[in-house]
Amino acid sequence: MAFTLYSLLQASLLIVNAVAVLHEERFLRHVGWGSDQGIGGFGEEPGIKAQLTNLIRSIRTVMRGKGTIFTVIIMIMMIIIT
C-alpha cells in the first residue's frame, strides 16, 4: 500500500467525518468539553481546550451538508478504482 495524495485525502476526510459526528451533549460534555466549559473573562486569551471546542463546533457546522457529498464522492472513487 503506497502513500499517495489520494490516501492522504481519504484519511483526512475520515478524520473530519469523525470530528463532525461528535455529539456535544452525548460525548463532549461527559469528558468536560461542552460548550459551557472553559468560558473565560473579557480580554483573556482562550485556552487550548476552548480553541479545540470552537474548532470542533466549526467543523460540525461547516461539514454538515458538504461532508456527506465529499464522503459519497470518495466512496464512489474507491468503488471505481478497486
C-alpha atoms as a PDB file:
ATOM      1  CA  MET A   1       0.000   0.000   0.000  1.00  0.00           C
ATOM      2  CA  ALA A   2       1.603   3.209  -1.167  1.00  0.00           C
ATOM      3  CA  PHE A   3       1.316   6.597   0.461  1.00  0.00           C
ATOM      4  CA  THR A   4      -0.381   8.746  -2.164  1.00  0.00           C
ATOM      5  CA  LEU A   5      -2.252  12.013  -2.309  1.00  0.00           C
ATOM      6  CA  TYR A   6      -5.491  10.045  -2.600  1.00  0.00           C
ATOM      7  CA  SER A   7      -4.792   8.094   0.601  1.00  0.00           C
ATOM      8  CA  LEU A   8      -3.945  11.354   2.385  1.00  0.00           C
ATOM      9  CA  LEU A   9      -7.237  12.867   1.166  1.00  0.00           C
ATOM     10  CA  GLN A  10      -9.124   9.784   2.267  1.00  0.00           C
ATOM     11  CA  ALA A  11      -7.541   9.778   5.741  1.00  0.00           C
ATOM     12  CA  SER A  12      -8.225  13.477   6.267  1.00  0.00           C
ATOM     13  CA  LEU A  13     -11.833  13.016   5.176  1.00  0.00           C
ATOM     14  CA  LEU A  14     -12.257  10.173   7.682  1.00  0.00           C
ATOM     15  CA  ILE A  15     -10.831  12.329  10.480  1.00  0.00           C
ATOM     16  CA  VAL A  16     -13.080  15.275   9.592  1.00  0.00           C
ATOM     17  CA  ASN A  17     -16.094  12.944   9.484  1.00  0.00           C
ATOM     18  CA  ALA A  18     -15.140  11.547  12.884  1.00  0.00           C
ATOM     19  CA  VAL A  19     -14.983  15.059  14.347  1.00  0.00           C
ATOM     20  CA  ALA A  20     -18.226  16.052  12.627  1.00  0.00           C
ATOM     21  CA  VAL A  21     -20.240  13.261  14.234  1.00  0.00           C
ATOM     22  CA  LEU A  22     -19.184  14.052  17.806  1.00  0.00           C
ATOM     23  CA  HIS A  23     -22.359  14.979  19.636  1.00  0.00           C
ATOM     24  CA  GLU A  24     -21.828  17.741  22.144  1.00  0.00           C
ATOM     25  CA  GLU A  25     -24.320  16.617  24.773  1.00  0.00           C
ATOM     26  CA  ARG A  26     -23.721  12.872  24.500  1.00  0.00           C
ATOM     27  CA  PHE A  27     -19.956  12.727  24.282  1.00  0.00           C
ATOM     28  CA  LEU A  28     -18.163  16.036  24.640  1.00  0.00           C
ATOM     29  CA  ARG A  29     -19.930  17.207  27.800  1.00  0.00           C
ATOM     30  CA  HIS A  30     -19.120  13.927  29.596  1.00  0.00           C
ATOM     31  CA  VAL A  31     -15.405  14.442  29.032  1.00  0.00           C
ATOM     32  CA  GLY A  32     -15.583  18.106  30.030  1.00  0.00           C
ATOM     33  CA  TRP A  33     -15.534  19.645  26.552  1.00  0.00           C
ATOM     34  CA  GLY A  34     -19.083  21.014  26.421  1.00  0.00           C
ATOM     35  CA  SER A  35     -19.969  24.487  25.177  1.00  0.00           C
ATOM     36  CA  ASP A  36     -20.328  25.828  28.704  1.00  0.00           C
ATOM     37  CA  GLN A  37     -16.869  24.625  29.717  1.00  0.00           C
ATOM     38  CA  GLY A  38     -13.847  26.900  29.632  1.00  0.00           C
ATOM     39  CA  ILE A  39     -15.555  30.249  29.242  1.00  0.00           C
ATOM     40  CA  GLY A  40     -13.022  32.926  30.094  1.00  0.00           C
ATOM     41  CA  GLY A  41     -13.431  36.521  31.112  1.00  0.00           C
ATOM     42  CA  PHE A  42     -13.313  39.600  28.934  1.00  0.00           C
ATOM     43  CA  GLY A  43      -9.920  40.248  27.407  1.00  0.00           C
ATOM     44  CA  GLU A  44      -8.473  36.857  28.322  1.00  0.00           C
ATOM     45  CA  GLU A  45      -6.902  34.628  25.724  1.00  0.00           C
ATOM     46  CA  PRO A  46      -8.911  31.439  25.198  1.00  0.00           C
ATOM     47  CA  GLY A  47      -7.082  28.316  26.267  1.00  0.00           C
ATOM     48  CA  ILE A  48      -6.283  25.279  24.164  1.00  0.00           C
ATOM     49  CA  LYS A  49      -9.415  23.500  25.358  1.00  0.00           C
ATOM     50  CA  ALA A  50     -11.679  26.400  24.323  1.00  0.00           C
ATOM     51  CA  GLN A  51      -9.953  26.691  20.947  1.00  0.00           C
ATOM     52  CA  LEU A  52     -10.357  22.969  20.238  1.00  0.00           C
ATOM     53  CA  THR A  53     -14.004  23.122  21.287  1.00  0.00           C
ATOM     54  CA  ASN A  54     -14.543  26.020  18.881  1.00  0.00           C
ATOM     55  CA  LEU A  55     -12.734  24.088  16.132  1.00  0.00           C
ATOM     56  CA  ILE A  56     -14.953  21.027  16.671  1.00  0.00           C
ATOM     57  CA  ARG A  57     -18.077  23.199  16.637  1.00  0.00           C
ATOM     58  CA  SER A  58     -16.906  24.941  13.454  1.00  0.00           C
ATOM     59  CA  ILE A  59     -16.165  21.654  11.690  1.00  0.00           C
ATOM     60  CA  ARG A  60     -19.597  20.337  12.660  1.00  0.00           C
ATOM     61  CA  THR A  61     -21.246  23.491  11.306  1.00  0.00           C
ATOM     62  CA  VAL A  62     -19.377  23.644   8.003  1.00  0.00           C
ATOM     63  CA  MET A  63     -19.341  19.937   7.215  1.00  0.00           C
ATOM     64  CA  ARG A  64     -22.995  19.274   7.981  1.00  0.00           C
ATOM     65  CA  GLY A  65     -24.036  19.049   4.324  1.00  0.00           C
ATOM     66  CA  LYS A  66     -20.761  19.230   2.440  1.00  0.00           C
ATOM     67  CA  GLY A  67     -19.207  16.343   4.340  1.00  0.00           C
ATOM     68  CA  THR A  68     -21.853  13.962   3.085  1.00  0.00           C
ATOM     69  CA  ILE A  69     -21.230  14.984  -0.520  1.00  0.00           C
ATOM     70  CA  PHE A  70     -17.440  14.618  -0.163  1.00  0.00           C
ATOM     71  CA  THR A  71     -17.827  11.234   1.500  1.00  0.00           C
ATOM     72  CA  VAL A  72     -20.104   9.940  -1.271  1.00  0.00           C
ATOM     73  CA  ILE A  73     -17.646  11.143  -3.929  1.00  0.00           C
ATOM     74  CA  ILE A  74     -14.719   9.429  -2.195  1.00  0.00           C
ATOM     75  CA  MET A  75     -16.717   6.211  -1.777  1.00  0.00           C
ATOM     76  CA  ILE A  76     -17.651   6.197  -5.478  1.00  0.00           C
ATOM     77  CA  MET A  77     -13.995   6.764  -6.395  1.00  0.00           C
ATOM     78  CA  MET A  78     -12.976   3.853  -4.154  1.00  0.00           C
ATOM     79  CA  ILE A  79     -15.516   1.569  -5.831  1.00  0.00           C
ATOM     80  CA  ILE A  80     -14.354   2.571  -9.310  1.00  0.00           C
ATOM     81  CA  ILE A  81     -10.636   2.259  -8.524  1.00  0.00           C
ATOM     82  CA  THR A  82     -10.778  -1.124  -6.766  1.00  0.00           C
END
